[in-house]
């Protein structure tokens, strides 16, 4: 991931760079980001965190994370992407009930009397979930005590601007300018 930090305080820039890398790494989000720009100007005060995700988040269905086959009256789901195992199991329980869903192993599930096409098309994750996880990670990096926040989300680019003061039109304009620069730098 390409990481750019801009601000007048060298020590503060390095500290935020380390904090950003640590939080994103610990939350498992570093690999999902292509680029990040941190604009740190405490005298204004304005902090802008803009990130570009590697891919635009999209909804995921059971078919995206598992293979499905039918044998007689039973449908078998074999999970290939373990990140979605809890969501798949939860969706199946919700639709078919716990009495019809038998989790045979960590990755193998048998459902009695299910419809393959219905299972394949069950949504297990929305694109908004992925964006909210990134925003949640960014909020962990925001300086404590910051009250005014402004979010901008466009395709793969998410930008959060924060200030201790009133979020004026000028501060929003500066954040939008950074957002556009980051967006245009990766041809989103």
Protein backbone atom coordinates (compact mmCIF):
# COMPACT_ATOMS: atom_id res chain seq x y z
CA UNK A 1 0.00 0.00 0.00
CA UNK A 2 1.21 3.45 -0.87
CA UNK A 3 0.95 5.76 2.16
CA UNK A 4 1.44 9.53 2.01
CA UNK A 5 1.40 11.71 5.12
CA UNK A 6 1.25 15.50 4.87
CA UNK A 7 1.56 17.82 7.83
CA UNK A 8 3.82 20.46 9.38
CA UNK A 9 5.05 18.29 12.28
CA UNK A 10 7.61 15.62 11.34
CA UNK A 11 7.18 13.70 14.61
CA UNK A 12 3.38 13.83 14.33
CA UNK A 13 3.52 12.63 10.72
CA UNK A 14 5.68 9.63 11.64
CA UNK A 15 3.50 8.80 14.64
CA UNK A 16 0.32 8.86 12.55
CA UNK A 17 1.97 6.80 9.83
CA UNK A 18 2.85 4.10 12.39
CA UNK A 19 -0.59 4.32 14.00
CA UNK A 20 -2.32 4.00 10.62
CA UNK A 21 -0.21 0.99 9.61
CA UNK A 22 -0.73 -0.68 13.00
CA UNK A 23 -4.50 -0.20 13.13
CA UNK A 24 -5.07 -1.25 9.53
CA UNK A 25 -2.81 -4.27 9.98
CA UNK A 26 -4.41 -5.40 13.24
CA UNK A 27 -7.91 -5.03 11.81
CA UNK A 28 -6.94 -6.94 8.66
CA UNK A 29 -7.65 -3.98 6.38
CA UNK A 30 -4.13 -3.16 5.15
CA UNK A 31 -4.31 -5.72 2.33
CA UNK A 32 -7.63 -4.32 1.12
CA UNK A 33 -6.15 -0.84 0.58
CA UNK A 34 -4.25 0.33 -2.47
CA UNK A 35 -3.37 3.84 -1.31
CA UNK A 36 -3.83 6.17 1.66
CA UNK A 37 -3.26 9.87 2.20
CA UNK A 38 -3.26 11.46 5.63
CA UNK A 39 -3.54 15.26 5.80
CA UNK A 40 -2.68 16.37 9.34
CA UNK A 41 -2.97 20.06 10.18
CA UNK A 42 -3.71 20.47 13.90
CA UNK A 43 -3.33 24.28 13.81
CA UNK A 44 -6.32 24.66 11.46
CA UNK A 45 -7.51 22.16 12.98
CA UNK A 46 -8.20 19.75 10.11
CA UNK A 47 -7.38 16.08 9.71
CA UNK A 48 -8.28 14.31 6.46
CA UNK A 49 -7.89 10.57 5.98
CA UNK A 50 -8.42 9.37 2.42
CA UNK A 51 -8.04 5.74 1.31
CA UNK A 52 -8.42 3.81 -1.92
CA UNK A 53 -9.60 0.22 -1.67
CA UNK A 54 -8.06 -2.32 -4.03
CA UNK A 55 -11.45 -3.26 -5.41
CA UNK A 56 -14.83 -1.62 -5.19
CA UNK A 57 -16.85 -3.41 -2.55
CA UNK A 58 -19.76 -5.39 -3.89
CA UNK A 59 -22.40 -7.64 -2.48
CA UNK A 60 -21.35 -11.23 -1.93
CA UNK A 61 -23.61 -14.24 -2.25
CA UNK A 62 -23.21 -17.78 -0.96
CA UNK A 63 -22.10 -18.81 -4.48
CA UNK A 64 -19.17 -16.35 -4.22
CA UNK A 65 -17.82 -18.11 -1.14
CA UNK A 66 -18.97 -21.72 -1.45
CA UNK A 67 -19.83 -24.54 -3.83
CA UNK A 68 -23.32 -26.01 -3.78
CA UNK A 69 -24.56 -29.44 -4.85
CA UNK A 70 -27.72 -31.48 -4.43
CA UNK A 71 -28.06 -35.16 -3.57
CA UNK A 72 -31.67 -36.29 -3.39
CA UNK A 73 -33.57 -34.02 -1.01
CA UNK A 74 -30.38 -32.61 0.57
CA UNK A 75 -28.32 -29.64 -0.53
CA UNK A 76 -24.65 -29.51 0.44
CA UNK A 77 -22.72 -26.27 0.83
CA UNK A 78 -18.92 -26.47 0.95
CA UNK A 79 -17.38 -23.18 2.05
CA UNK A 80 -14.27 -22.19 0.11
CA UNK A 81 -13.75 -18.72 1.65
CA UNK A 82 -13.70 -19.15 5.43
CA UNK A 83 -14.08 -15.40 5.99
CA UNK A 84 -17.75 -15.81 5.11
CA UNK A 85 -18.44 -19.02 7.07
CA UNK A 86 -20.33 -17.30 9.92
CA UNK A 87 -22.44 -15.24 7.50
CA UNK A 88 -23.32 -18.30 5.40
CA UNK A 89 -24.36 -20.34 8.41
CA UNK A 90 -26.37 -17.43 9.83
CA UNK A 91 -28.17 -16.85 6.51
CA UNK A 92 -29.02 -20.54 6.19
CA UNK A 93 -30.32 -20.71 9.78
CA UNK A 94 -32.42 -17.62 9.20
CA UNK A 95 -33.96 -18.97 5.98
CA UNK A 96 -34.30 -22.69 6.77
CA UNK A 97 -34.16 -22.90 10.57
CA UNK A 98 -31.63 -24.71 12.73
CA UNK A 99 -33.49 -28.00 12.53
CA UNK A 100 -32.98 -28.25 8.73
CA UNK A 101 -29.37 -26.97 8.69
CA UNK A 102 -26.69 -29.44 9.78
CA UNK A 103 -23.13 -28.14 10.04
CA UNK A 104 -21.19 -31.37 9.48
CA UNK A 105 -17.68 -29.86 9.62
CA UNK A 106 -16.33 -26.33 9.82
CA UNK A 107 -16.76 -25.91 6.06
CA UNK A 108 -19.46 -28.45 5.15
CA UNK A 109 -23.15 -27.82 5.68
CA UNK A 110 -26.14 -29.99 4.76
CA UNK A 111 -29.60 -28.48 4.32
CA UNK A 112 -32.69 -30.66 4.03
CA UNK A 113 -35.24 -29.64 1.41
CA UNK A 114 -33.52 -26.48 0.17
CA UNK A 115 -33.49 -24.80 -3.23
CA UNK A 116 -30.00 -24.63 -4.81
CA UNK A 117 -30.71 -21.44 -6.75
CA UNK A 118 -32.09 -19.73 -3.67
CA UNK A 119 -28.99 -20.66 -1.65
CA UNK A 120 -26.62 -19.56 -4.43
CA UNK A 121 -28.24 -16.11 -4.54
CA UNK A 122 -28.45 -15.51 -0.77
CA UNK A 123 -26.62 -12.28 0.10
CA UNK A 124 -24.06 -12.82 2.85
CA UNK A 125 -22.27 -9.47 2.69
CA UNK A 126 -23.13 -6.14 1.17
CA UNK A 127 -20.58 -3.77 -0.33
CA UNK A 128 -21.57 -1.26 2.34
CA UNK A 129 -20.36 -3.64 5.07
CA UNK A 130 -16.81 -3.48 3.67
CA UNK A 131 -16.91 0.32 3.50
CA UNK A 132 -18.23 0.55 7.06
CA UNK A 133 -15.36 -1.64 8.28
CA UNK A 134 -12.82 0.69 6.64
CA UNK A 135 -14.58 3.74 8.10
CA UNK A 136 -14.55 2.08 11.53
CA UNK A 137 -10.81 1.48 11.22
CA UNK A 138 -10.24 5.11 10.21
CA UNK A 139 -12.24 6.35 13.20
CA UNK A 140 -9.82 4.50 15.48
CA UNK A 141 -7.03 6.66 14.07
CA UNK A 142 -8.84 10.00 14.43
CA UNK A 143 -7.47 12.18 17.25
CA UNK A 144 -9.39 11.84 20.50
CA UNK A 145 -11.87 14.59 21.26
CA UNK A 146 -12.65 15.40 17.63
CA UNK A 147 -16.33 16.15 17.29
CA UNK A 148 -17.14 17.31 13.76
CA UNK A 149 -16.83 14.71 11.01
CA UNK A 150 -17.54 14.72 7.29
CA UNK A 151 -17.51 11.52 5.22
CA UNK A 152 -17.11 11.29 1.45
CA UNK A 153 -17.45 7.93 -0.30
CA UNK A 154 -17.18 7.43 -4.03
CA UNK A 155 -16.48 4.07 -5.64
CA UNK A 156 -13.24 2.74 -4.15
CA UNK A 157 -12.32 6.00 -2.40
CA UNK A 158 -13.36 6.84 1.16
CA UNK A 159 -12.41 10.15 2.78
CA UNK A 160 -13.09 11.32 6.32
CA UNK A 161 -12.45 14.90 7.40
CA UNK A 162 -12.50 15.80 11.08
CA UNK A 163 -12.08 18.99 13.07
CA UNK A 164 -12.46 20.19 16.66
CA UNK A 165 -14.24 23.27 15.38
CA UNK A 166 -17.29 23.74 13.18
CA UNK A 167 -17.05 21.85 9.88
CA UNK A 168 -17.14 24.96 7.70
CA UNK A 169 -17.74 24.95 3.94
CA UNK A 170 -14.04 25.79 3.49
CA UNK A 171 -12.95 22.72 5.47
CA UNK A 172 -15.37 20.53 3.52
CA UNK A 173 -14.01 22.01 0.29
CA UNK A 174 -10.43 21.21 1.34
CA UNK A 175 -11.48 17.63 2.17
CA UNK A 176 -13.24 17.28 -1.19
CA UNK A 177 -10.13 18.56 -2.95
CA UNK A 178 -7.98 15.92 -1.23
CA UNK A 179 -10.61 13.28 -2.02
CA UNK A 180 -10.55 14.23 -5.72
CA UNK A 181 -6.73 14.28 -5.82
CA UNK A 182 -6.58 10.78 -4.32
CA UNK A 183 -9.36 9.54 -6.62
CA UNK A 184 -7.74 11.01 -9.73
CA UNK A 185 -4.28 9.68 -8.79
CA UNK A 186 -5.51 6.09 -9.20
CA UNK A 187 -7.94 6.73 -12.07
CA UNK A 188 -10.99 5.55 -10.16
